[in-house]
Amino acid sequence: MSNQITRDQIIQKAWEDDVFKQQLLADPKAAIKDAFGVDIPDNIEVTAVEETPEHAYLVIPPKPSALRTASAVEIPAW
């Protein structure tokens, strides 16, 4: 497995593993490190939320110009 995991891989594991899903919701960075061996830098905050049929989330990513000024370590490409 490469050092860069994808959101799809995280979601797939959460669907298949209820314990991982609960860990992901409680402490996303620790859950990702434990499951995939990926350290997310301290300056990056990760929040995991679970959608329901009645409640959806729309995530607005940073503007592309903001991505160009940050290093790949600072803003991971999911």
N, C-alpha and C. Protein backbone atom coordinates (compact mmCIF):
# COMPACT_ATOMS: atom_id res chain seq x y z
N MET A 1 0.85 -1.18 0.00
CA MET A 1 0.00 0.00 0.00
C MET A 1 0.89 1.23 0.00
N SER A 2 0.52 2.21 -0.79
CA SER A 2 1.29 3.45 -0.82
C SER A 2 1.04 4.25 0.45
N ASN A 3 1.87 5.26 0.67
CA ASN A 3 1.69 6.12 1.84
C ASN A 3 0.45 6.98 1.74
N GLN A 4 -0.07 7.16 0.54
CA GLN A 4 -1.23 8.02 0.34
C GLN A 4 -2.48 7.16 0.20
N ILE A 5 -3.35 7.24 1.18
CA ILE A 5 -4.60 6.50 1.11
C ILE A 5 -5.67 7.44 0.59
N THR A 6 -6.76 6.86 0.15
CA THR A 6 -7.84 7.68 -0.39
C THR A 6 -9.04 7.67 0.53
N ARG A 7 -9.87 8.66 0.35
CA ARG A 7 -11.12 8.70 1.10
C ARG A 7 -11.92 7.43 0.84
N ASP A 8 -11.92 6.97 -0.40
CA ASP A 8 -12.68 5.76 -0.74
C ASP A 8 -12.21 4.57 0.08
N GLN A 9 -10.91 4.44 0.30
CA GLN A 9 -10.39 3.32 1.10
C GLN A 9 -10.84 3.43 2.55
N ILE A 10 -10.84 4.64 3.07
CA ILE A 10 -11.28 4.85 4.46
C ILE A 10 -12.76 4.55 4.59
N ILE A 11 -13.56 5.04 3.66
CA ILE A 11 -15.00 4.81 3.69
C ILE A 11 -15.31 3.32 3.56
N GLN A 12 -14.63 2.65 2.63
CA GLN A 12 -14.84 1.21 2.44
C GLN A 12 -14.58 0.44 3.73
N LYS A 13 -13.47 0.77 4.40
CA LYS A 13 -13.15 0.08 5.66
C LYS A 13 -14.20 0.39 6.72
N ALA A 14 -14.67 1.62 6.79
CA ALA A 14 -15.71 1.98 7.78
C ALA A 14 -17.00 1.21 7.51
N TRP A 15 -17.35 1.00 6.26
CA TRP A 15 -18.54 0.22 5.92
C TRP A 15 -18.38 -1.24 6.33
N GLU A 16 -17.17 -1.76 6.19
CA GLU A 16 -16.93 -3.18 6.45
C GLU A 16 -16.60 -3.50 7.90
N ASP A 17 -16.16 -2.51 8.67
CA ASP A 17 -15.63 -2.75 10.02
C ASP A 17 -16.24 -1.74 10.99
N ASP A 18 -17.24 -2.18 11.75
CA ASP A 18 -17.93 -1.28 12.68
C ASP A 18 -17.02 -0.73 13.77
N VAL A 19 -16.06 -1.52 14.23
CA VAL A 19 -15.13 -1.05 15.26
C VAL A 19 -14.29 0.09 14.69
N PHE A 20 -13.76 -0.10 13.49
CA PHE A 20 -12.99 0.97 12.84
C PHE A 20 -13.85 2.22 12.66
N LYS A 21 -15.09 2.04 12.24
CA LYS A 21 -15.98 3.19 12.04
C LYS A 21 -16.15 3.99 13.33
N GLN A 22 -16.36 3.31 14.43
CA GLN A 22 -16.51 4.00 15.71
C GLN A 22 -15.22 4.72 16.11
N GLN A 23 -14.08 4.07 15.87
CA GLN A 23 -12.79 4.71 16.15
C GLN A 23 -12.59 5.93 15.25
N LEU A 24 -12.97 5.80 13.99
CA LEU A 24 -12.84 6.89 13.03
C LEU A 24 -13.68 8.10 13.45
N LEU A 25 -14.88 7.85 13.92
CA LEU A 25 -15.75 8.93 14.37
C LEU A 25 -15.21 9.58 15.65
N ALA A 26 -14.61 8.79 16.53
CA ALA A 26 -14.11 9.30 17.81
C ALA A 26 -12.76 10.00 17.68
N ASP A 27 -11.84 9.42 16.90
CA ASP A 27 -10.49 9.96 16.77
C ASP A 27 -9.96 9.60 15.38
N PRO A 28 -10.32 10.39 14.36
CA PRO A 28 -9.98 10.04 12.98
C PRO A 28 -8.49 9.83 12.72
N LYS A 29 -7.65 10.71 13.24
CA LYS A 29 -6.22 10.58 12.97
C LYS A 29 -5.64 9.29 13.54
N ALA A 30 -6.04 8.93 14.75
CA ALA A 30 -5.56 7.69 15.36
C ALA A 30 -6.10 6.48 14.61
N ALA A 31 -7.36 6.52 14.21
CA ALA A 31 -7.95 5.40 13.49
C ALA A 31 -7.26 5.17 12.15
N ILE A 32 -6.96 6.25 11.44
CA ILE A 32 -6.27 6.14 10.14
C ILE A 32 -4.85 5.63 10.35
N LYS A 33 -4.17 6.11 11.37
CA LYS A 33 -2.81 5.63 11.66
C LYS A 33 -2.83 4.14 12.00
N ASP A 34 -3.76 3.73 12.87
CA ASP A 34 -3.84 2.32 13.27
C ASP A 34 -4.19 1.41 12.10
N ALA A 35 -5.13 1.83 11.26
CA ALA A 35 -5.60 0.97 10.18
C ALA A 35 -4.70 0.98 8.96
N PHE A 36 -4.11 2.13 8.65
CA PHE A 36 -3.37 2.27 7.39
C PHE A 36 -1.90 2.63 7.58
N GLY A 37 -1.50 2.91 8.82
CA GLY A 37 -0.11 3.26 9.07
C GLY A 37 0.28 4.64 8.57
N VAL A 38 -0.69 5.52 8.39
CA VAL A 38 -0.42 6.85 7.87
C VAL A 38 -0.49 7.87 8.99
N ASP A 39 0.60 8.61 9.17
CA ASP A 39 0.64 9.70 10.15
C ASP A 39 0.15 10.98 9.49
N ILE A 40 -0.86 11.59 10.06
CA ILE A 40 -1.34 12.88 9.57
C ILE A 40 -0.66 13.94 10.45
N PRO A 41 -0.04 14.94 9.83
CA PRO A 41 0.69 15.95 10.61
C PRO A 41 -0.18 16.62 11.67
N ASP A 42 0.48 17.05 12.75
CA ASP A 42 -0.23 17.69 13.86
C ASP A 42 -0.98 18.95 13.44
N ASN A 43 -0.47 19.65 12.41
CA ASN A 43 -1.11 20.90 12.00
C ASN A 43 -2.35 20.68 11.11
N ILE A 44 -2.68 19.42 10.84
CA ILE A 44 -3.87 19.08 10.06
C ILE A 44 -4.92 18.52 11.01
N GLU A 45 -6.11 19.12 11.00
CA GLU A 45 -7.22 18.63 11.81
C GLU A 45 -8.13 17.80 10.92
N VAL A 46 -8.55 16.65 11.40
CA VAL A 46 -9.43 15.76 10.65
C VAL A 46 -10.70 15.55 11.46
N THR A 47 -11.84 15.73 10.80
CA THR A 47 -13.13 15.50 11.44
C THR A 47 -13.88 14.47 10.61
N ALA A 48 -14.37 13.43 11.26
CA ALA A 48 -15.19 12.42 10.58
C ALA A 48 -16.62 12.56 11.08
N VAL A 49 -17.55 12.56 10.15
CA VAL A 49 -18.97 12.62 10.48
C VAL A 49 -19.69 11.55 9.67
N GLU A 50 -20.79 11.09 10.20
CA GLU A 50 -21.57 10.07 9.50
C GLU A 50 -22.85 10.69 8.96
N GLU A 51 -23.02 10.60 7.65
CA GLU A 51 -24.26 11.08 7.04
C GLU A 51 -25.39 10.11 7.33
N THR A 52 -26.60 10.63 7.31
CA THR A 52 -27.80 9.80 7.44
C THR A 52 -28.69 10.11 6.24
N PRO A 53 -29.73 9.33 6.03
CA PRO A 53 -30.64 9.65 4.92
C PRO A 53 -31.26 11.05 5.05
N GLU A 54 -31.34 11.55 6.28
CA GLU A 54 -31.96 12.85 6.51
C GLU A 54 -30.97 14.00 6.65
N HIS A 55 -29.68 13.70 6.73
CA HIS A 55 -28.69 14.74 6.97
C HIS A 55 -27.45 14.48 6.12
N ALA A 56 -27.19 15.38 5.19
CA ALA A 56 -26.02 15.26 4.32
C ALA A 56 -25.08 16.43 4.58
N TYR A 57 -23.82 16.25 4.26
CA TYR A 57 -22.80 17.28 4.44
C TYR A 57 -22.21 17.65 3.09
N LEU A 58 -21.98 18.92 2.89
CA LEU A 58 -21.32 19.41 1.69
C LEU A 58 -19.98 19.99 2.13
N VAL A 59 -18.90 19.42 1.63
CA VAL A 59 -17.56 19.87 2.00
C VAL A 59 -17.02 20.75 0.89
N ILE A 60 -16.65 21.96 1.25
CA ILE A 60 -16.08 22.90 0.29
C ILE A 60 -14.57 22.89 0.48
N PRO A 61 -13.82 22.37 -0.50
CA PRO A 61 -12.37 22.30 -0.36
C PRO A 61 -11.73 23.68 -0.52
N PRO A 62 -10.43 23.79 -0.17
CA PRO A 62 -9.73 25.06 -0.36
C PRO A 62 -9.70 25.44 -1.83
N LYS A 63 -9.61 26.73 -2.11
CA LYS A 63 -9.47 27.20 -3.48
C LYS A 63 -8.18 26.62 -4.06
N PRO A 64 -8.16 26.32 -5.37
CA PRO A 64 -6.94 25.78 -5.98
C PRO A 64 -5.72 26.66 -5.75
N SER A 65 -5.87 27.96 -5.72
CA SER A 65 -4.71 28.83 -5.48
C SER A 65 -4.12 28.59 -4.10
N ALA A 66 -4.95 28.27 -3.12
CA ALA A 66 -4.46 27.96 -1.78
C ALA A 66 -3.69 26.65 -1.77
N LEU A 67 -4.10 25.71 -2.61
CA LEU A 67 -3.40 24.43 -2.68
C LEU A 67 -2.01 24.60 -3.27
N ARG A 68 -1.85 25.51 -4.23
CA ARG A 68 -0.55 25.70 -4.85
C ARG A 68 0.47 26.31 -3.89
N THR A 69 0.01 27.05 -2.89
CA THR A 69 0.95 27.70 -1.98
C THR A 69 1.35 26.81 -0.81
N ALA A 70 0.63 25.73 -0.59
CA ALA A 70 0.95 24.83 0.52
C ALA A 70 1.68 23.61 -0.02
N SER A 71 2.49 23.02 0.83
CA SER A 71 3.19 21.81 0.41
C SER A 71 2.25 20.61 0.47
N ALA A 72 2.62 19.54 -0.18
CA ALA A 72 1.80 18.33 -0.18
C ALA A 72 1.63 17.76 1.22
N VAL A 73 2.59 18.00 2.08
CA VAL A 73 2.49 17.50 3.45
C VAL A 73 1.45 18.30 4.23
N GLU A 74 1.38 19.60 3.97
CA GLU A 74 0.45 20.45 4.70
C GLU A 74 -1.01 20.19 4.32
N ILE A 75 -1.26 19.92 3.04
CA ILE A 75 -2.62 19.64 2.58
C ILE A 75 -2.59 18.32 1.84
N PRO A 76 -2.93 17.24 2.51
CA PRO A 76 -2.86 15.93 1.86
C PRO A 76 -3.88 15.81 0.74
N ALA A 77 -3.51 15.15 -0.31
CA ALA A 77 -4.43 14.90 -1.43
C ALA A 77 -5.20 13.63 -1.14
N TRP A 78 -6.44 13.76 -0.84
CA TRP A 78 -7.27 12.60 -0.56
C TRP A 78 -7.78 12.10 -1.85
